[in-house]
Amino acid sequence: MIAMKKILLFLIVALFTLSCDKIDGAKTVDLALISADYEARDGERLSGILSGNYRITIADGATVTLHNAVIYGVNESEYSWAGVTAHGDATLVLAGNNIVRGFDAGSPGILVPQGKTLTITGDGKLDASSNGYAPGIGGDNENGGNIVIQGGTIRATGGDGAAAIGSLRFRSCGDITISGGTVTAIGGDDGAGIGSGLEALCGNITISGGTVIAEGGDSAAGIGCGHMATCGNISISGGDVSSRGGIDAAGIGSGCGVDDDEDEDDVFPSVCGDITISGGTVTVHGHSILAAAAIGSGVNSRCGNILISGGTITAEGGYKSAGIGTSERGSVGTITITNGVTQVTAKKWDEKTPHSIGGGVDYFSIGTVTVGGKVGSVSESPFVYKP
C-alpha cells in the first residue's frame, strides 16, 4: 500500500512537471537554467531571466514565444551579439512582459538579418534596446532585413545614431510594416523613431493599423529618415499615428541635411520617397522650438510627392516650417489633398513662414500644390480643410 502511494505521488509530480514544461503544447525553456548558447526551435517558449552571457537565436522558419523573458545584455565588446537573433525568416510571439537588450554597443535588442523577415505578434509586451549605437529592433553592422509588427505592446529605443526600429548608423535595413499592436519608437540622436539611422538607409515604411507613437532624435524624423539619411516611400492607410520630428527634421518625412554655404547644389540632404496617407488618424508635429515641417522635408533636405486622400490629419510645423511641405531650405514634390479626406488641419509656425501647406522659410522648391481641386499653396494658418 505504501509502495502504491509512492508510485502515485511520483506520477502526480511527473505530470505536474510535464504540464509546467509544456504550456498550450509548447515546450518552455527556462533561460535561467541554460548554460550555453541556445537556438530556439519552432513552437518553443522562452521564459525567465537569462543567467549568463549566452547567444539566444531563433531557428530559420521558427515561431517562438517570449513569455516573461528577460535578456539583459551586458555592454562588453567580447559579447558581440544581439539580445535575440533571428537566423532567418521567423515569427516572434509576445506573451507577458519581456525585456531584451543587446550585448554590446553595436548590437540591437532584436536582430533581423539582411534579406530576411521577422514578424512580431501576440498580446504581450516587449521593451527592446541596444547598449550603445544600435536599434531596439533592426539591423547591426551587417545591415538588417524586413520588420513586420502585427501585435503586442512594444517600446523600442534607438542608440546613438540609430533608429528605434530600423537601421544602424551608416547601414541599411529592409521594409518596415506595422498593421497592429501598440508601438512606441524613440530614436537615438540622429536616428528616426521608425526608419533609418545616421547616414543610413531603410526601405519602405507602411502603417495600416494599430497605435503608433514615434519620436525622432535630434536631426531625425519621427517616421522616415535619420540625419543625412535615406528612406523609401512612407504609406499610412489606418491606425492611430502620432509622430514628432527632432531638431530640423520632419515629423513624417526626411531628416536634416547639411549645407555649409546655403547653395542647394552643395547640400548633403536627407531624402525620403513619396508620402501617402489614405486613412487613419494622423497627428504630426515638427520640433517645438527649432525648424521642422510636420509632414514633408527637413532642413536642407528633400522628399518626394505628398498625397493625402483619406483620414483625419493634423500637421503642425515647427520654427520657419510649414505644416505640410518643407522645413527651412527644403524641397518637396507635388502636394495633393483630395476630397476623400475626413479633415486636414495644417498650421505653420508664424506669419513669417510663407505657407501652412507649401514651403517653409527660404524653401528650395515645391511642386504643384492642390487642395480639393484648388491649385496653389496655402498661407492661412491654421488652415482646416473638411470637404
Protein backbone atom coordinates (compact mmCIF):
# COMPACT_ATOMS: atom_id res chain seq x y z
CA MET A 1 0.00 0.00 0.00
CA ILE A 2 2.84 2.40 0.88
CA ALA A 3 4.62 1.45 -2.35
CA MET A 4 1.45 2.18 -4.34
CA LYS A 5 1.16 5.64 -2.70
CA LYS A 6 4.79 6.39 -3.59
CA ILE A 7 4.17 5.40 -7.21
CA LEU A 8 1.02 7.55 -7.32
CA LEU A 9 2.88 10.51 -5.83
CA PHE A 10 5.67 10.08 -8.39
CA LEU A 11 3.16 10.07 -11.24
CA ILE A 12 1.48 13.24 -9.92
CA VAL A 13 4.84 15.04 -9.65
CA ALA A 14 5.84 13.88 -13.14
CA LEU A 15 2.57 15.06 -14.65
CA PHE A 16 2.89 18.42 -12.88
CA THR A 17 6.45 18.83 -14.18
CA LEU A 18 5.33 17.96 -17.70
CA SER A 19 2.47 20.46 -17.53
CA CYS A 20 4.89 23.20 -16.40
CA ASP A 21 7.30 22.32 -19.21
CA LYS A 22 4.57 22.47 -21.85
CA ILE A 23 2.02 25.26 -21.91
CA ASP A 24 -0.54 25.08 -24.72
CA GLY A 25 1.57 22.35 -26.30
CA ALA A 26 4.72 24.49 -26.39
CA LYS A 27 8.00 23.45 -24.83
CA THR A 28 9.02 26.05 -22.25
CA VAL A 29 12.72 26.81 -21.96
CA ASP A 30 13.75 28.46 -18.69
CA LEU A 31 16.50 30.91 -19.63
CA ALA A 32 17.76 30.84 -16.05
CA LEU A 33 18.72 27.19 -16.45
CA ILE A 34 20.63 27.21 -19.73
CA SER A 35 24.43 27.15 -19.56
CA ALA A 36 25.45 27.72 -23.19
CA ASP A 37 24.32 29.46 -26.38
CA TYR A 38 20.80 28.36 -27.29
CA GLU A 39 18.85 28.18 -30.55
CA ALA A 40 15.08 28.21 -30.07
CA ARG A 41 13.17 25.82 -32.31
CA ASP A 42 9.70 26.06 -33.79
CA GLY A 43 6.98 26.05 -31.14
CA GLU A 44 9.26 26.74 -28.18
CA ARG A 45 8.60 29.27 -25.47
CA LEU A 46 11.42 31.24 -23.85
CA SER A 47 10.81 32.34 -20.28
CA GLY A 48 12.73 33.53 -17.24
CA ILE A 49 15.86 35.62 -16.73
CA LEU A 50 18.89 34.72 -18.83
CA SER A 51 21.56 33.57 -16.39
CA GLY A 52 24.72 34.30 -18.39
CA ASN A 53 26.18 36.00 -21.45
CA TYR A 54 24.78 33.50 -23.91
CA ARG A 55 23.72 33.97 -27.51
CA ILE A 56 19.99 33.40 -27.98
CA THR A 57 18.93 32.71 -31.56
CA ILE A 58 15.78 31.67 -33.40
CA ALA A 59 15.98 28.89 -35.97
CA ASP A 60 15.18 29.70 -39.59
CA GLY A 61 11.43 29.43 -40.18
CA ALA A 62 10.57 29.03 -36.49
CA THR A 63 7.75 30.57 -34.49
CA VAL A 64 8.96 31.24 -30.95
CA THR A 65 7.20 32.82 -27.97
CA LEU A 66 8.76 35.21 -25.48
CA HIS A 67 6.85 34.72 -22.22
CA ASN A 68 8.05 36.88 -19.32
CA ALA A 69 11.59 36.65 -20.69
CA VAL A 70 14.44 38.95 -19.61
CA ILE A 71 17.56 39.03 -21.78
CA TYR A 72 19.54 41.93 -20.41
CA GLY A 73 22.81 42.06 -22.29
CA VAL A 74 25.95 43.46 -20.71
CA ASN A 75 27.81 46.21 -22.55
CA GLU A 76 31.05 44.37 -23.26
CA SER A 77 32.75 44.08 -26.66
CA GLU A 78 33.65 40.41 -26.22
CA TYR A 79 29.95 39.55 -26.42
CA SER A 80 29.19 40.94 -29.88
CA TRP A 81 25.65 39.75 -30.41
CA ALA A 82 22.07 40.90 -30.10
CA GLY A 83 19.74 40.01 -27.26
CA VAL A 84 17.79 37.81 -29.69
CA THR A 85 18.99 37.00 -33.22
CA ALA A 86 16.77 35.55 -35.94
CA HIS A 87 18.80 33.16 -38.13
CA GLY A 88 16.32 33.53 -40.99
CA ASP A 89 12.65 34.28 -41.52
CA ALA A 90 10.97 33.93 -38.13
CA THR A 91 7.92 34.84 -36.06
CA LEU A 92 8.19 36.14 -32.50
CA VAL A 93 5.04 35.85 -30.36
CA LEU A 94 4.84 38.13 -27.32
CA ALA A 95 3.23 36.96 -24.07
CA GLY A 96 3.58 38.56 -20.65
CA ASN A 97 6.26 41.19 -20.04
CA ASN A 98 9.59 40.91 -21.86
CA ILE A 99 12.84 42.89 -21.84
CA VAL A 100 15.53 42.37 -24.48
CA ARG A 101 18.79 44.32 -24.73
CA GLY A 102 21.80 43.79 -26.99
CA PHE A 103 25.08 42.56 -25.52
CA ASP A 104 27.45 45.14 -26.99
CA ALA A 105 27.25 48.70 -28.27
CA GLY A 106 26.76 47.76 -31.92
CA SER A 107 24.15 45.03 -31.48
CA PRO A 108 20.38 45.63 -31.35
CA GLY A 109 17.94 44.23 -28.86
CA ILE A 110 16.44 42.05 -31.59
CA LEU A 111 18.43 41.46 -34.78
CA VAL A 112 16.73 40.88 -38.12
CA PRO A 113 19.32 39.66 -40.66
CA GLN A 114 19.64 41.21 -44.09
CA GLY A 115 17.30 39.70 -46.67
CA LYS A 116 15.12 38.02 -44.02
CA THR A 117 11.80 38.93 -42.36
CA LEU A 118 10.91 38.95 -38.67
CA THR A 119 7.22 39.07 -37.79
CA ILE A 120 6.24 40.16 -34.27
CA THR A 121 2.76 39.35 -32.98
CA GLY A 122 0.89 38.37 -29.82
CA ASP A 123 -0.68 40.31 -26.94
CA GLY A 124 2.29 40.63 -24.60
CA LYS A 125 4.77 43.44 -24.01
CA LEU A 126 8.31 44.00 -25.25
CA ASP A 127 10.93 46.57 -24.28
CA ALA A 128 13.80 46.39 -26.79
CA SER A 129 17.01 48.44 -26.82
CA SER A 130 20.73 48.30 -27.51
CA ASN A 131 23.66 49.06 -25.26
CA GLY A 132 25.07 51.88 -27.38
CA TYR A 133 24.53 52.75 -31.04
CA ALA A 134 22.18 50.10 -32.43
CA PRO A 135 18.40 49.93 -32.89
CA GLY A 136 16.00 48.39 -30.45
CA ILE A 137 14.72 46.22 -33.31
CA GLY A 138 16.51 46.05 -36.64
CA GLY A 139 19.94 45.67 -38.16
CA ASP A 140 23.52 45.69 -36.99
CA ASN A 141 26.87 46.33 -38.67
CA GLU A 142 25.97 43.71 -41.29
CA ASN A 143 22.74 45.57 -42.24
CA GLY A 144 19.21 44.40 -41.49
CA GLY A 145 16.15 42.81 -43.00
CA ASN A 146 12.39 43.36 -43.03
CA ILE A 147 10.40 44.05 -39.86
CA VAL A 148 6.68 43.23 -39.61
CA ILE A 149 4.72 44.14 -36.47
CA GLN A 150 1.21 42.71 -36.18
CA GLY A 151 0.55 42.89 -32.45
CA GLY A 152 1.87 43.36 -28.96
CA THR A 153 2.75 46.40 -26.89
CA ILE A 154 6.24 47.35 -27.98
CA ARG A 155 8.62 50.03 -26.77
CA ALA A 156 11.78 50.30 -28.86
CA THR A 157 14.64 52.70 -28.14
CA GLY A 158 17.44 53.51 -30.56
CA GLY A 159 21.04 54.05 -29.52
CA ASP A 160 23.21 56.96 -30.63
CA GLY A 161 22.87 57.33 -34.40
CA ALA A 162 20.32 54.51 -34.70
CA ALA A 163 16.62 54.30 -35.37
CA ALA A 164 14.48 52.73 -32.66
CA ILE A 165 13.02 50.39 -35.28
CA GLY A 166 15.13 50.21 -38.42
CA SER A 167 18.79 50.69 -39.29
CA LEU A 168 22.08 51.28 -37.52
CA ARG A 169 24.13 54.34 -38.48
CA PHE A 170 25.87 54.01 -41.88
CA ARG A 171 23.97 50.79 -42.58
CA SER A 172 20.65 49.70 -44.10
CA CYS A 173 17.52 47.74 -43.33
CA GLY A 174 14.62 46.46 -45.38
CA ASP A 175 10.94 47.37 -45.28
CA ILE A 176 9.11 48.17 -42.03
CA THR A 177 5.41 47.21 -41.83
CA ILE A 178 3.05 47.84 -38.90
CA SER A 179 -0.53 46.55 -39.01
CA GLY A 180 -1.47 46.21 -35.33
CA GLY A 181 -0.43 46.46 -31.72
CA THR A 182 0.81 49.49 -29.81
CA VAL A 183 4.24 50.65 -30.87
CA THR A 184 6.32 53.37 -29.23
CA ALA A 185 9.58 54.12 -31.04
CA ILE A 186 12.11 56.65 -29.69
CA GLY A 187 15.09 57.22 -31.97
CA GLY A 188 18.60 57.92 -30.73
CA ASP A 189 20.40 61.14 -31.65
CA ASP A 190 20.42 61.38 -35.48
CA GLY A 191 18.16 58.32 -35.74
CA ALA A 192 14.50 58.15 -36.74
CA GLY A 193 11.88 56.66 -34.45
CA ILE A 194 10.87 54.34 -37.29
CA GLY A 195 13.16 54.29 -40.32
CA SER A 196 16.84 54.96 -40.90
CA GLY A 197 19.76 55.92 -38.70
CA LEU A 198 22.54 58.45 -39.27
CA GLU A 199 23.66 58.45 -42.94
CA ALA A 200 21.81 55.16 -43.27
CA LEU A 201 19.11 53.63 -45.44
CA CYS A 202 15.81 51.84 -44.95
CA GLY A 203 13.18 50.52 -47.33
CA ASN A 204 9.50 51.41 -47.45
CA ILE A 205 7.57 52.17 -44.26
CA THR A 206 3.94 51.03 -44.24
CA ILE A 207 1.42 51.54 -41.42
CA SER A 208 -2.10 50.13 -41.82
CA GLY A 209 -3.32 49.73 -38.24
CA GLY A 210 -2.53 49.78 -34.56
CA THR A 211 -1.37 52.66 -32.38
CA VAL A 212 1.99 54.14 -33.33
CA ILE A 213 3.91 56.77 -31.37
CA ALA A 214 7.21 57.81 -32.93
CA GLU A 215 9.79 60.40 -31.98
CA GLY A 216 12.95 61.19 -33.90
CA GLY A 217 16.26 62.00 -32.28
CA ASP A 218 17.97 65.31 -33.00
CA SER A 219 18.13 65.89 -36.78
CA ALA A 220 15.94 62.83 -37.48
CA ALA A 221 12.33 62.30 -38.47
CA GLY A 222 9.81 60.60 -36.22
CA ILE A 223 8.85 58.33 -39.13
CA GLY A 224 11.24 58.35 -42.07
CA CYS A 225 14.87 59.37 -42.37
CA GLY A 226 17.68 59.91 -39.95
CA HIS A 227 20.25 62.70 -40.23
CA MET A 228 21.62 62.88 -43.83
CA ALA A 229 19.89 59.56 -44.45
CA THR A 230 17.57 57.92 -46.97
CA CYS A 231 14.30 56.02 -46.72
CA GLY A 232 11.81 54.65 -49.22
CA ASN A 233 8.14 55.52 -49.55
CA ILE A 234 6.03 56.15 -46.44
CA SER A 235 2.43 54.93 -46.56
CA ILE A 236 -0.24 55.25 -43.86
CA SER A 237 -3.68 53.75 -44.51
CA GLY A 238 -5.04 53.20 -40.99
CA GLY A 239 -4.41 53.22 -37.29
CA ASP A 240 -3.79 55.98 -34.77
CA VAL A 241 -0.43 57.52 -35.61
CA SER A 242 1.40 60.24 -33.67
CA SER A 243 4.84 61.42 -34.74
CA ARG A 244 7.24 64.21 -33.85
CA GLY A 245 10.47 65.16 -35.56
CA GLY A 246 13.74 66.05 -33.91
CA ILE A 247 15.62 69.32 -34.43
CA ASP A 248 15.44 70.41 -38.10
CA ALA A 249 13.67 67.19 -39.14
CA ALA A 250 10.14 66.42 -40.28
CA GLY A 251 7.64 64.59 -38.11
CA ILE A 252 6.94 62.29 -41.07
CA GLY A 253 9.42 62.50 -43.94
CA SER A 254 13.07 63.37 -44.19
CA GLY A 255 15.60 64.27 -41.54
CA CYS A 256 18.07 67.14 -41.56
CA GLY A 257 20.72 67.60 -44.24
CA VAL A 258 23.91 69.63 -44.25
CA ASP A 259 24.60 72.78 -46.28
CA ASP A 260 27.64 74.85 -45.40
CA ASP A 261 27.12 77.64 -47.93
CA GLU A 262 23.30 77.68 -48.35
CA ASP A 263 23.63 76.60 -52.00
CA GLU A 264 21.21 73.83 -52.94
CA ASP A 265 23.78 72.27 -55.28
CA ASP A 266 26.16 71.68 -52.37
CA VAL A 267 23.64 70.19 -49.96
CA PHE A 268 24.17 66.74 -48.41
CA PRO A 269 20.46 66.08 -47.87
CA SER A 270 18.27 63.61 -46.12
CA VAL A 271 15.96 62.13 -48.76
CA CYS A 272 12.69 60.22 -48.41
CA GLY A 273 10.41 58.88 -51.10
CA ASP A 274 6.72 59.65 -51.56
CA ILE A 275 4.44 60.15 -48.55
CA THR A 276 0.91 58.76 -48.93
CA ILE A 277 -1.82 58.99 -46.29
CA SER A 278 -5.12 57.33 -47.22
CA GLY A 279 -6.69 56.64 -43.82
CA GLY A 280 -6.34 56.61 -40.06
CA THR A 281 -5.94 59.37 -37.51
CA VAL A 282 -2.56 61.02 -38.02
CA THR A 283 -1.21 63.72 -35.70
CA VAL A 284 2.19 65.13 -36.58
CA HIS A 285 4.37 67.84 -35.08
CA GLY A 286 7.60 69.39 -36.14
CA HIS A 287 10.15 70.23 -33.46
CA SER A 288 8.58 72.57 -30.88
CA ILE A 289 11.48 75.06 -30.90
CA LEU A 290 13.66 74.61 -33.99
CA ALA A 291 12.86 74.21 -37.68
CA ALA A 292 10.85 71.17 -38.72
CA ALA A 293 7.90 70.59 -41.01
CA ALA A 294 5.26 68.22 -39.72
CA ILE A 295 4.83 66.24 -42.96
CA GLY A 296 7.46 66.65 -45.67
CA SER A 297 11.13 67.56 -45.77
CA GLY A 298 13.61 68.52 -43.11
CA VAL A 299 16.05 71.42 -43.26
CA ASN A 300 18.34 71.19 -46.33
CA SER A 301 16.52 68.03 -47.34
CA ARG A 302 14.09 66.56 -49.83
CA CYS A 303 11.09 64.29 -50.03
CA GLY A 304 9.00 63.07 -52.93
CA ASN A 305 5.34 63.71 -53.64
CA ILE A 306 2.83 64.05 -50.79
CA LEU A 307 -0.65 62.61 -51.37
CA ILE A 308 -3.35 62.78 -48.69
CA SER A 309 -6.55 61.07 -49.85
CA GLY A 310 -8.19 59.89 -46.62
CA GLY A 311 -8.17 60.01 -42.85
CA THR A 312 -8.06 62.77 -40.25
CA ILE A 313 -4.75 64.60 -40.29
CA THR A 314 -3.36 67.30 -38.00
CA ALA A 315 0.00 68.74 -39.04
CA GLU A 316 1.72 71.49 -37.06
CA GLY A 317 5.02 72.78 -38.33
CA GLY A 318 7.93 73.93 -36.20
CA TYR A 319 10.05 77.07 -36.45
CA LYS A 320 10.17 78.54 -40.01
CA SER A 321 8.34 75.47 -41.31
CA ALA A 322 5.07 74.52 -42.95
CA GLY A 323 2.61 72.05 -41.53
CA ILE A 324 2.62 70.09 -44.79
CA GLY A 325 5.54 70.80 -47.09
CA THR A 326 9.06 71.89 -46.25
CA SER A 327 11.18 72.97 -43.36
CA GLU A 328 13.59 75.84 -43.91
CA ARG A 329 15.58 75.33 -47.14
CA GLY A 330 13.79 72.13 -48.04
CA SER A 331 12.24 70.65 -51.18
CA VAL A 332 9.17 68.51 -51.86
CA GLY A 333 7.43 67.24 -54.94
CA THR A 334 3.75 67.78 -55.57
CA ILE A 335 1.36 68.13 -52.63
CA THR A 336 -2.16 66.82 -53.27
CA ILE A 337 -5.06 66.70 -50.82
CA THR A 338 -8.23 65.17 -52.22
CA ASN A 339 -11.92 65.30 -51.29
CA GLY A 340 -11.65 61.80 -49.80
CA VAL A 341 -10.21 63.06 -46.51
CA THR A 342 -12.30 63.44 -43.38
CA GLN A 343 -10.38 66.52 -42.27
CA VAL A 344 -6.95 68.05 -42.71
CA THR A 345 -5.66 70.72 -40.35
CA ALA A 346 -2.36 72.40 -41.18
CA LYS A 347 -0.55 75.04 -39.16
CA LYS A 348 2.63 76.97 -39.91
CA TRP A 349 4.97 78.36 -37.26
CA ASP A 350 4.21 82.10 -37.55
CA GLU A 351 3.36 84.82 -40.06
CA LYS A 352 6.97 84.97 -41.27
CA THR A 353 6.59 81.43 -42.58
CA PRO A 354 5.10 81.56 -46.09
CA HIS A 355 2.74 78.60 -46.03
CA SER A 356 0.83 76.18 -43.84
CA ILE A 357 0.70 73.91 -46.91
CA GLY A 358 3.70 74.56 -49.11
CA GLY A 359 7.12 75.94 -48.31
CA GLY A 360 8.91 76.98 -45.19
CA VAL A 361 11.24 79.97 -44.97
CA ASP A 362 13.68 80.15 -47.91
CA TYR A 363 12.48 76.82 -49.29
CA PHE A 364 14.32 75.45 -52.30
CA SER A 365 11.48 74.02 -54.40
CA ILE A 366 7.90 72.73 -54.32
CA GLY A 367 5.83 71.04 -56.99
CA THR A 368 2.21 71.87 -57.65
CA VAL A 369 0.02 72.19 -54.54
CA THR A 370 -3.60 71.09 -54.98
CA VAL A 371 -6.17 71.08 -52.17
CA GLY A 372 -9.60 69.75 -53.05
CA GLY A 373 -9.07 70.60 -56.69
CA LYS A 374 -7.90 74.14 -55.98
CA VAL A 375 -4.34 74.82 -57.11
CA GLY A 376 -1.94 76.92 -55.06
CA SER A 377 -0.02 76.92 -51.79
CA VAL A 378 -1.99 77.79 -48.64
CA SER A 379 -0.86 80.64 -46.39
CA GLU A 380 -3.85 80.66 -43.99
CA SER A 381 -2.94 79.23 -40.59
CA PRO A 382 -4.40 77.26 -39.02
CA PHE A 383 -5.99 76.00 -42.20
CA VAL A 384 -8.80 73.47 -41.92
CA TYR A 385 -9.98 71.51 -44.93
CA LYS A 386 -13.13 69.48 -44.38
CA PRO A 387 -14.89 68.55 -47.64
